[in-house]
Amino acid sequence: RIDKLPLPVKSAPGFLVNAVLGPYMLEALRCVEEGVAPETVDA
């Protein structure tokens, strides 16, 4: 009714979207920790 897209998910840590974004962002920050420039990671 509010013109959004409903995605049925089960109650679990992070549901779907946050559950996949967390490891993704973590791996990016690990690359920065290893000396890769943030700009290079984002590019």
All heavy atoms as atom14 arrays in JSON, in Angstrom:
{
  "sequence": "RIDKLPLPVKSAPGFLVNAVLGPYMLEALRCVEEGVAPETVDA",
  "atom14_mask": [
    [1, 1, 1, 1, 1, 1, 1, 1, 1, 1, 1, 0, 0, 0],
    [1, 1, 1, 1, 1, 1, 1, 1, 0, 0, 0, 0, 0, 0],
    [1, 1, 1, 1, 1, 1, 1, 1, 0, 0, 0, 0, 0, 0],
    [1, 1, 1, 1, 1, 1, 1, 1, 1, 0, 0, 0, 0, 0],
    [1, 1, 1, 1, 1, 1, 1, 1, 0, 0, 0, 0, 0, 0],
    [1, 1, 1, 1, 1, 1, 1, 0, 0, 0, 0, 0, 0, 0],
    [1, 1, 1, 1, 1, 1, 1, 1, 0, 0, 0, 0, 0, 0],
    [1, 1, 1, 1, 1, 1, 1, 0, 0, 0, 0, 0, 0, 0],
    [1, 1, 1, 1, 1, 1, 1, 0, 0, 0, 0, 0, 0, 0],
    [1, 1, 1, 1, 1, 1, 1, 1, 1, 0, 0, 0, 0, 0],
    [1, 1, 1, 1, 1, 1, 0, 0, 0, 0, 0, 0, 0, 0],
    [1, 1, 1, 1, 1, 0, 0, 0, 0, 0, 0, 0, 0, 0],
    [1, 1, 1, 1, 1, 1, 1, 0, 0, 0, 0, 0, 0, 0],
    [1, 1, 1, 1, 0, 0, 0, 0, 0, 0, 0, 0, 0, 0],
    [1, 1, 1, 1, 1, 1, 1, 1, 1, 1, 1, 0, 0, 0],
    [1, 1, 1, 1, 1, 1, 1, 1, 0, 0, 0, 0, 0, 0],
    [1, 1, 1, 1, 1, 1, 1, 0, 0, 0, 0, 0, 0, 0],
    [1, 1, 1, 1, 1, 1, 1, 1, 0, 0, 0, 0, 0, 0],
    [1, 1, 1, 1, 1, 0, 0, 0, 0, 0, 0, 0, 0, 0],
    [1, 1, 1, 1, 1, 1, 1, 0, 0, 0, 0, 0, 0, 0],
    [1, 1, 1, 1, 1, 1, 1, 1, 0, 0, 0, 0, 0, 0],
    [1, 1, 1, 1, 0, 0, 0, 0, 0, 0, 0, 0, 0, 0],
    [1, 1, 1, 1, 1, 1, 1, 0, 0, 0, 0, 0, 0, 0],
    [1, 1, 1, 1, 1, 1, 1, 1, 1, 1, 1, 1, 0, 0],
    [1, 1, 1, 1, 1, 1, 1, 1, 0, 0, 0, 0, 0, 0],
    [1, 1, 1, 1, 1, 1, 1, 1, 0, 0, 0, 0, 0, 0],
    [1, 1, 1, 1, 1, 1, 1, 1, 1, 0, 0, 0, 0, 0],
    [1, 1, 1, 1, 1, 0, 0, 0, 0, 0, 0, 0, 0, 0],
    [1, 1, 1, 1, 1, 1, 1, 1, 0, 0, 0, 0, 0, 0],
    [1, 1, 1, 1, 1, 1, 1, 1, 1, 1, 1, 0, 0, 0],
    [1, 1, 1, 1, 1, 1, 0, 0, 0, 0, 0, 0, 0, 0],
    [1, 1, 1, 1, 1, 1, 1, 0, 0, 0, 0, 0, 0, 0],
    [1, 1, 1, 1, 1, 1, 1, 1, 1, 0, 0, 0, 0, 0],
    [1, 1, 1, 1, 1, 1, 1, 1, 1, 0, 0, 0, 0, 0],
    [1, 1, 1, 1, 0, 0, 0, 0, 0, 0, 0, 0, 0, 0],
    [1, 1, 1, 1, 1, 1, 1, 0, 0, 0, 0, 0, 0, 0],
    [1, 1, 1, 1, 1, 0, 0, 0, 0, 0, 0, 0, 0, 0],
    [1, 1, 1, 1, 1, 1, 1, 0, 0, 0, 0, 0, 0, 0],
    [1, 1, 1, 1, 1, 1, 1, 1, 1, 0, 0, 0, 0, 0],
    [1, 1, 1, 1, 1, 1, 1, 0, 0, 0, 0, 0, 0, 0],
    [1, 1, 1, 1, 1, 1, 1, 0, 0, 0, 0, 0, 0, 0],
    [1, 1, 1, 1, 1, 1, 1, 1, 0, 0, 0, 0, 0, 0],
    [1, 1, 1, 1, 1, 0, 0, 0, 0, 0, 0, 0, 0, 0]
  ],
  "atom14_positions": [
    [[0.83, -1.21, 0.0], [0.0, 0.0, 0.0], [0.86, 1.26, 0.0], [0.42, 2.3, -0.48], [-0.92, 0.02, 1.22], [-1.94, -1.1, 1.26], [-3.13, -0.83, 0.38], [-4.07, -1.95, 0.42], [-5.2, -2.01, -0.28], [-5.53, -1.01, -1.06], [-5.98, -3.06, -0.2], [0.0, 0.0, 0.0], [0.0, 0.0, 0.0], [0.0, 0.0, 0.0]],
    [[2.04, 1.17, 0.56], [2.93, 2.34, 0.57], [3.93, 2.25, -0.59], [4.94, 2.95, -0.6], [3.66, 2.51, 1.92], [4.47, 1.26, 2.28], [2.65, 2.84, 3.02], [5.33, 1.43, 3.51], [0.0, 0.0, 0.0], [0.0, 0.0, 0.0], [0.0, 0.0, 0.0], [0.0, 0.0, 0.0], [0.0, 0.0, 0.0], [0.0, 0.0, 0.0]],
    [[3.66, 1.37, -1.55], [4.43, 1.23, -2.78], [5.87, 0.8, -2.53], [6.8, 1.25, -3.2], [4.4, 2.54, -3.59], [4.77, 2.32, -5.05], [4.55, 1.19, -5.55], [5.27, 3.26, -5.69], [0.0, 0.0, 0.0], [0.0, 0.0, 0.0], [0.0, 0.0, 0.0], [0.0, 0.0, 0.0], [0.0, 0.0, 0.0], [0.0, 0.0, 0.0]],
    [[6.04, -0.09, -1.57], [7.34, -0.71, -1.33], [7.27, -2.19, -1.68], [6.2, -2.74, -1.96], [7.75, -0.54, 0.14], [7.93, 0.91, 0.59], [9.12, 1.58, -0.07], [9.34, 2.98, 0.46], [10.47, 3.66, -0.2], [0.0, 0.0, 0.0], [0.0, 0.0, 0.0], [0.0, 0.0, 0.0], [0.0, 0.0, 0.0], [0.0, 0.0, 0.0]],
    [[8.43, -2.84, -1.67], [8.53, -4.26, -2.02], [8.7, -5.09, -0.76], [9.73, -5.0, -0.09], [9.72, -4.48, -2.96], [9.7, -3.7, -4.28], [11.02, -3.88, -5.02], [8.53, -4.13, -5.15], [0.0, 0.0, 0.0], [0.0, 0.0, 0.0], [0.0, 0.0, 0.0], [0.0, 0.0, 0.0], [0.0, 0.0, 0.0], [0.0, 0.0, 0.0]],
    [[7.71, -5.92, -0.4], [7.84, -6.73, 0.8], [8.65, -7.99, 0.55], [8.42, -8.72, -0.43], [6.39, -7.08, 1.15], [5.65, -7.02, -0.16], [6.38, -6.03, -1.03], [0.0, 0.0, 0.0], [0.0, 0.0, 0.0], [0.0, 0.0, 0.0], [0.0, 0.0, 0.0], [0.0, 0.0, 0.0], [0.0, 0.0, 0.0], [0.0, 0.0, 0.0]],
    [[9.61, -8.27, 1.41], [10.4, -9.49, 1.34], [10.17, -10.3, 2.61], [10.57, -9.88, 3.7], [11.89, -9.17, 1.21], [12.81, -10.4, 1.26], [12.65, -11.25, -0.01], [14.27, -10.0, 1.44], [0.0, 0.0, 0.0], [0.0, 0.0, 0.0], [0.0, 0.0, 0.0], [0.0, 0.0, 0.0], [0.0, 0.0, 0.0], [0.0, 0.0, 0.0]],
    [[9.51, -11.47, 2.52], [9.31, -12.29, 3.71], [10.65, -12.89, 4.18], [11.37, -13.51, 3.39], [8.37, -13.4, 3.22], [7.78, -12.89, 1.93], [8.84, -12.03, 1.33], [0.0, 0.0, 0.0], [0.0, 0.0, 0.0], [0.0, 0.0, 0.0], [0.0, 0.0, 0.0], [0.0, 0.0, 0.0], [0.0, 0.0, 0.0], [0.0, 0.0, 0.0]],
    [[10.97, -12.69, 5.44], [12.19, -13.26, 6.01], [11.87, -13.84, 7.38], [10.88, -13.48, 8.01], [13.33, -12.21, 6.15], [13.76, -11.69, 4.79], [12.89, -11.05, 7.04], [0.0, 0.0, 0.0], [0.0, 0.0, 0.0], [0.0, 0.0, 0.0], [0.0, 0.0, 0.0], [0.0, 0.0, 0.0], [0.0, 0.0, 0.0], [0.0, 0.0, 0.0]],
    [[12.72, -14.75, 7.83], [12.58, -15.36, 9.14], [13.39, -14.56, 10.16], [14.44, -13.99, 9.83], [13.08, -16.8, 9.09], [12.83, -17.61, 10.35], [13.32, -19.05, 10.18], [14.83, -19.15, 10.24], [15.31, -20.55, 10.24], [0.0, 0.0, 0.0], [0.0, 0.0, 0.0], [0.0, 0.0, 0.0], [0.0, 0.0, 0.0], [0.0, 0.0, 0.0]],
    [[12.91, -14.5, 11.37], [13.63, -13.82, 12.43], [14.96, -14.51, 12.68], [15.02, -15.68, 13.05], [12.8, -13.82, 13.72], [13.49, -13.18, 14.77], [0.0, 0.0, 0.0], [0.0, 0.0, 0.0], [0.0, 0.0, 0.0], [0.0, 0.0, 0.0], [0.0, 0.0, 0.0], [0.0, 0.0, 0.0], [0.0, 0.0, 0.0], [0.0, 0.0, 0.0]],
    [[16.04, -13.79, 12.43], [17.4, -14.29, 12.6], [18.3, -13.07, 12.66], [17.93, -12.0, 12.18], [17.8, -15.2, 11.43], [0.0, 0.0, 0.0], [0.0, 0.0, 0.0], [0.0, 0.0, 0.0], [0.0, 0.0, 0.0], [0.0, 0.0, 0.0], [0.0, 0.0, 0.0], [0.0, 0.0, 0.0], [0.0, 0.0, 0.0], [0.0, 0.0, 0.0]],
    [[19.5, -13.18, 13.24], [20.38, -12.02, 13.35], [20.62, -11.34, 12.0], [21.1, -11.96, 11.06], [21.68, -12.61, 13.91], [21.23, -13.82, 14.67], [20.08, -14.38, 13.89], [0.0, 0.0, 0.0], [0.0, 0.0, 0.0], [0.0, 0.0, 0.0], [0.0, 0.0, 0.0], [0.0, 0.0, 0.0], [0.0, 0.0, 0.0], [0.0, 0.0, 0.0]],
    [[20.23, -10.06, 11.9], [20.44, -9.3, 10.68], [19.41, -9.57, 9.6], [19.47, -8.95, 8.54], [0.0, 0.0, 0.0], [0.0, 0.0, 0.0], [0.0, 0.0, 0.0], [0.0, 0.0, 0.0], [0.0, 0.0, 0.0], [0.0, 0.0, 0.0], [0.0, 0.0, 0.0], [0.0, 0.0, 0.0], [0.0, 0.0, 0.0], [0.0, 0.0, 0.0]],
    [[18.48, -10.52, 9.85], [17.52, -10.93, 8.82], [18.29, -11.28, 7.55], [19.21, -12.08, 7.6], [16.44, -9.87, 8.61], [15.81, -9.38, 9.89], [15.58, -8.04, 10.13], [15.46, -10.28, 10.89], [15.01, -7.59, 11.32], [14.9, -9.86, 12.09], [14.68, -8.5, 12.31], [0.0, 0.0, 0.0], [0.0, 0.0, 0.0], [0.0, 0.0, 0.0]],
    [[17.95, -10.69, 6.4], [18.74, -10.96, 5.19], [19.73, -9.84, 4.9], [20.94, -10.05, 4.83], [17.84, -11.15, 3.97], [18.61, -11.22, 2.63], [19.41, -12.52, 2.54], [17.68, -11.06, 1.44], [0.0, 0.0, 0.0], [0.0, 0.0, 0.0], [0.0, 0.0, 0.0], [0.0, 0.0, 0.0], [0.0, 0.0, 0.0], [0.0, 0.0, 0.0]],
    [[19.22, -8.62, 4.74], [20.04, -7.54, 4.2], [21.22, -7.21, 5.11], [22.37, -7.15, 4.67], [19.18, -6.29, 3.93], [20.06, -5.1, 3.55], [18.17, -6.58, 2.82], [0.0, 0.0, 0.0], [0.0, 0.0, 0.0], [0.0, 0.0, 0.0], [0.0, 0.0, 0.0], [0.0, 0.0, 0.0], [0.0, 0.0, 0.0], [0.0, 0.0, 0.0]],
    [[20.96, -7.01, 6.4], [22.07, -6.7, 7.3], [23.0, -7.9, 7.49], [24.2, -7.74, 7.72], [21.53, -6.22, 8.65], [20.98, -4.81, 8.58], [21.26, -4.08, 7.63], [20.18, -4.43, 9.55], [0.0, 0.0, 0.0], [0.0, 0.0, 0.0], [0.0, 0.0, 0.0], [0.0, 0.0, 0.0], [0.0, 0.0, 0.0], [0.0, 0.0, 0.0]],
    [[22.44, -9.09, 7.36], [23.27, -10.3, 7.5], [24.27, -10.43, 6.37], [25.36, -10.99, 6.57], [22.38, -11.54, 7.55], [0.0, 0.0, 0.0], [0.0, 0.0, 0.0], [0.0, 0.0, 0.0], [0.0, 0.0, 0.0], [0.0, 0.0, 0.0], [0.0, 0.0, 0.0], [0.0, 0.0, 0.0], [0.0, 0.0, 0.0], [0.0, 0.0, 0.0]],
    [[23.95, -9.93, 5.18], [24.91, -9.99, 4.07], [25.79, -8.75, 4.03], [26.95, -8.84, 3.6], [24.2, -10.2, 2.71], [23.34, -11.45, 2.73], [23.39, -8.99, 2.29], [0.0, 0.0, 0.0], [0.0, 0.0, 0.0], [0.0, 0.0, 0.0], [0.0, 0.0, 0.0], [0.0, 0.0, 0.0], [0.0, 0.0, 0.0], [0.0, 0.0, 0.0]],
    [[25.27, -7.62, 4.48], [26.09, -6.4, 4.46], [27.21, -6.46, 5.48], [28.31, -5.95, 5.24], [25.22, -5.17, 4.72], [24.51, -4.54, 3.54], [23.7, -3.33, 3.99], [25.5, -4.13, 2.45], [0.0, 0.0, 0.0], [0.0, 0.0, 0.0], [0.0, 0.0, 0.0], [0.0, 0.0, 0.0], [0.0, 0.0, 0.0], [0.0, 0.0, 0.0]],
    [[26.95, -7.07, 6.64], [27.97, -7.11, 7.68], [29.27, -7.74, 7.23], [30.34, -7.11, 7.3], [0.0, 0.0, 0.0], [0.0, 0.0, 0.0], [0.0, 0.0, 0.0], [0.0, 0.0, 0.0], [0.0, 0.0, 0.0], [0.0, 0.0, 0.0], [0.0, 0.0, 0.0], [0.0, 0.0, 0.0], [0.0, 0.0, 0.0], [0.0, 0.0, 0.0]],
    [[29.26, -8.98, 6.74], [30.52, -9.6, 6.27], [31.17, -8.84, 5.11], [32.4, -8.81, 5.0], [30.07, -10.99, 5.82], [28.81, -11.26, 6.58], [28.13, -9.93, 6.71], [0.0, 0.0, 0.0], [0.0, 0.0, 0.0], [0.0, 0.0, 0.0], [0.0, 0.0, 0.0], [0.0, 0.0, 0.0], [0.0, 0.0, 0.0], [0.0, 0.0, 0.0]],
    [[30.36, -8.25, 4.27], [30.87, -7.47, 3.13], [31.66, -6.26, 3.63], [32.81, -6.02, 3.21], [29.68, -7.07, 2.27], [29.91, -6.01, 1.23], [30.63, -6.26, 0.07], [29.34, -4.74, 1.38], [30.8, -5.29, -0.9], [29.5, -3.76, 0.42], [30.23, -4.03, -0.71], [30.39, -3.06, -1.67], [0.0, 0.0, 0.0], [0.0, 0.0, 0.0]],
    [[31.05, -5.5, 4.53], [31.74, -4.32, 5.05], [32.95, -4.72, 5.89], [33.99, -4.05, 5.84], [30.76, -3.47, 5.87], [29.66, -2.84, 5.02], [28.67, -1.58, 5.89], [27.81, -2.58, 7.1], [0.0, 0.0, 0.0], [0.0, 0.0, 0.0], [0.0, 0.0, 0.0], [0.0, 0.0, 0.0], [0.0, 0.0, 0.0], [0.0, 0.0, 0.0]],
    [[32.82, -5.81, 6.63], [33.95, -6.27, 7.44], [35.15, -6.61, 6.56], [36.29, -6.23, 6.87], [33.54, -7.49, 8.26], [34.67, -8.19, 9.03], [35.28, -7.25, 10.07], [34.17, -9.47, 9.68], [0.0, 0.0, 0.0], [0.0, 0.0, 0.0], [0.0, 0.0, 0.0], [0.0, 0.0, 0.0], [0.0, 0.0, 0.0], [0.0, 0.0, 0.0]],
    [[34.92, -7.31, 5.46], [36.03, -7.68, 4.58], [36.68, -6.45, 3.98], [37.91, -6.39, 3.82], [35.54, -8.62, 3.48], [36.64, -9.3, 2.69], [37.51, -10.22, 3.55], [37.0, -10.75, 4.57], [38.69, -10.4, 3.21], [0.0, 0.0, 0.0], [0.0, 0.0, 0.0], [0.0, 0.0, 0.0], [0.0, 0.0, 0.0], [0.0, 0.0, 0.0]],
    [[35.86, -5.45, 3.66], [36.42, -4.21, 3.12], [37.32, -3.53, 4.16], [38.42, -3.05, 3.84], [35.28, -3.27, 2.71], [0.0, 0.0, 0.0], [0.0, 0.0, 0.0], [0.0, 0.0, 0.0], [0.0, 0.0, 0.0], [0.0, 0.0, 0.0], [0.0, 0.0, 0.0], [0.0, 0.0, 0.0], [0.0, 0.0, 0.0], [0.0, 0.0, 0.0]],
    [[36.86, -3.49, 5.41], [37.66, -2.86, 6.46], [38.92, -3.67, 6.77], [39.95, -3.11, 7.15], [36.82, -2.68, 7.72], [35.59, -1.76, 7.58], [34.93, -1.54, 8.92], [35.94, -0.43, 6.92], [0.0, 0.0, 0.0], [0.0, 0.0, 0.0], [0.0, 0.0, 0.0], [0.0, 0.0, 0.0], [0.0, 0.0, 0.0], [0.0, 0.0, 0.0]],
    [[38.85, -4.99, 6.61], [40.06, -5.8, 6.78], [41.09, -5.45, 5.72], [42.3, -5.41, 6.0], [39.7, -7.28, 6.67], [39.08, -7.87, 7.93], [38.67, -9.3, 7.71], [38.19, -9.93, 8.94], [37.35, -10.95, 8.97], [36.91, -11.48, 7.83], [36.97, -11.47, 10.11], [0.0, 0.0, 0.0], [0.0, 0.0, 0.0], [0.0, 0.0, 0.0]],
    [[40.63, -5.2, 4.5], [41.57, -4.79, 3.44], [42.24, -3.47, 3.8], [43.46, -3.3, 3.59], [40.83, -4.66, 2.11], [40.26, -6.23, 1.42], [0.0, 0.0, 0.0], [0.0, 0.0, 0.0], [0.0, 0.0, 0.0], [0.0, 0.0, 0.0], [0.0, 0.0, 0.0], [0.0, 0.0, 0.0], [0.0, 0.0, 0.0], [0.0, 0.0, 0.0]],
    [[41.47, -2.54, 4.37], [42.05, -1.27, 4.81], [43.05, -1.52, 5.92], [44.14, -0.92, 5.96], [40.93, -0.3, 5.27], [41.54, 0.97, 5.87], [40.01, 0.04, 4.1], [0.0, 0.0, 0.0], [0.0, 0.0, 0.0], [0.0, 0.0, 0.0], [0.0, 0.0, 0.0], [0.0, 0.0, 0.0], [0.0, 0.0, 0.0], [0.0, 0.0, 0.0]],
    [[42.7, -2.43, 6.83], [43.6, -2.78, 7.93], [44.93, -3.33, 7.41], [45.99, -3.13, 8.01], [42.91, -3.84, 8.81], [43.41, -3.88, 10.23], [42.67, -2.9, 11.13], [41.93, -2.03, 10.63], [42.87, -2.97, 12.34], [0.0, 0.0, 0.0], [0.0, 0.0, 0.0], [0.0, 0.0, 0.0], [0.0, 0.0, 0.0], [0.0, 0.0, 0.0]],
    [[44.88, -4.01, 6.27], [46.08, -4.6, 5.67], [46.88, -3.6, 4.86], [47.92, -3.95, 4.3], [45.69, -5.78, 4.78], [45.08, -6.95, 5.55], [44.45, -7.97, 4.63], [44.64, -7.87, 3.39], [43.75, -8.89, 5.13], [0.0, 0.0, 0.0], [0.0, 0.0, 0.0], [0.0, 0.0, 0.0], [0.0, 0.0, 0.0], [0.0, 0.0, 0.0]],
    [[46.39, -2.35, 4.76], [47.15, -1.31, 4.09], [46.6, -0.85, 2.76], [47.18, 0.03, 2.12], [0.0, 0.0, 0.0], [0.0, 0.0, 0.0], [0.0, 0.0, 0.0], [0.0, 0.0, 0.0], [0.0, 0.0, 0.0], [0.0, 0.0, 0.0], [0.0, 0.0, 0.0], [0.0, 0.0, 0.0], [0.0, 0.0, 0.0], [0.0, 0.0, 0.0]],
    [[45.5, -1.42, 2.32], [44.88, -0.95, 1.08], [44.16, 0.36, 1.37], [43.42, 0.46, 2.36], [43.89, -1.99, 0.52], [43.29, -1.51, -0.8], [44.57, -3.34, 0.33], [0.0, 0.0, 0.0], [0.0, 0.0, 0.0], [0.0, 0.0, 0.0], [0.0, 0.0, 0.0], [0.0, 0.0, 0.0], [0.0, 0.0, 0.0], [0.0, 0.0, 0.0]],
    [[44.35, 1.36, 0.54], [43.72, 2.66, 0.77], [42.2, 2.54, 0.7], [41.67, 1.81, -0.16], [44.21, 3.67, -0.26], [0.0, 0.0, 0.0], [0.0, 0.0, 0.0], [0.0, 0.0, 0.0], [0.0, 0.0, 0.0], [0.0, 0.0, 0.0], [0.0, 0.0, 0.0], [0.0, 0.0, 0.0], [0.0, 0.0, 0.0], [0.0, 0.0, 0.0]],
    [[41.46, 3.23, 1.57], [40.0, 3.21, 1.48], [39.51, 3.59, 0.09], [38.54, 3.01, -0.41], [39.56, 4.24, 2.53], [40.69, 4.28, 3.52], [41.94, 4.05, 2.71], [0.0, 0.0, 0.0], [0.0, 0.0, 0.0], [0.0, 0.0, 0.0], [0.0, 0.0, 0.0], [0.0, 0.0, 0.0], [0.0, 0.0, 0.0], [0.0, 0.0, 0.0]],
    [[40.2, 4.55, -0.54], [39.8, 4.98, -1.89], [39.92, 3.84, -2.9], [39.09, 3.69, -3.8], [40.66, 6.16, -2.35], [40.41, 7.47, -1.6], [41.26, 7.63, -0.34], [41.87, 6.6, 0.1], [41.32, 8.73, 0.2], [0.0, 0.0, 0.0], [0.0, 0.0, 0.0], [0.0, 0.0, 0.0], [0.0, 0.0, 0.0], [0.0, 0.0, 0.0]],
    [[40.96, 3.03, -2.73], [41.16, 1.9, -3.64], [40.08, 0.84, -3.44], [39.53, 0.29, -4.41], [42.55, 1.28, -3.42], [43.54, 2.3, -3.6], [42.81, 0.15, -4.39], [0.0, 0.0, 0.0], [0.0, 0.0, 0.0], [0.0, 0.0, 0.0], [0.0, 0.0, 0.0], [0.0, 0.0, 0.0], [0.0, 0.0, 0.0], [0.0, 0.0, 0.0]],
    [[39.76, 0.56, -2.18], [38.69, -0.4, -1.89], [37.38, 0.07, -2.51], [36.68, -0.7, -3.18], [38.55, -0.58, -0.37], [37.29, -1.39, -0.04], [39.78, -1.26, 0.21], [0.0, 0.0, 0.0], [0.0, 0.0, 0.0], [0.0, 0.0, 0.0], [0.0, 0.0, 0.0], [0.0, 0.0, 0.0], [0.0, 0.0, 0.0], [0.0, 0.0, 0.0]],
    [[37.03, 1.32, -2.28], [35.76, 1.83, -2.79], [35.74, 1.86, -4.32], [34.72, 1.53, -4.95], [35.49, 3.23, -2.23], [34.99, 3.19, -0.79], [34.68, 2.08, -0.32], [34.9, 4.25, -0.15], [0.0, 0.0, 0.0], [0.0, 0.0, 0.0], [0.0, 0.0, 0.0], [0.0, 0.0, 0.0], [0.0, 0.0, 0.0], [0.0, 0.0, 0.0]],
    [[36.87, 2.25, -4.92], [36.93, 2.29, -6.38], [36.71, 0.9, -6.98], [36.04, 0.75, -8.0], [38.27, 2.86, -6.84], [0.0, 0.0, 0.0], [0.0, 0.0, 0.0], [0.0, 0.0, 0.0], [0.0, 0.0, 0.0], [0.0, 0.0, 0.0], [0.0, 0.0, 0.0], [0.0, 0.0, 0.0], [0.0, 0.0, 0.0], [0.0, 0.0, 0.0]]
  ]
}
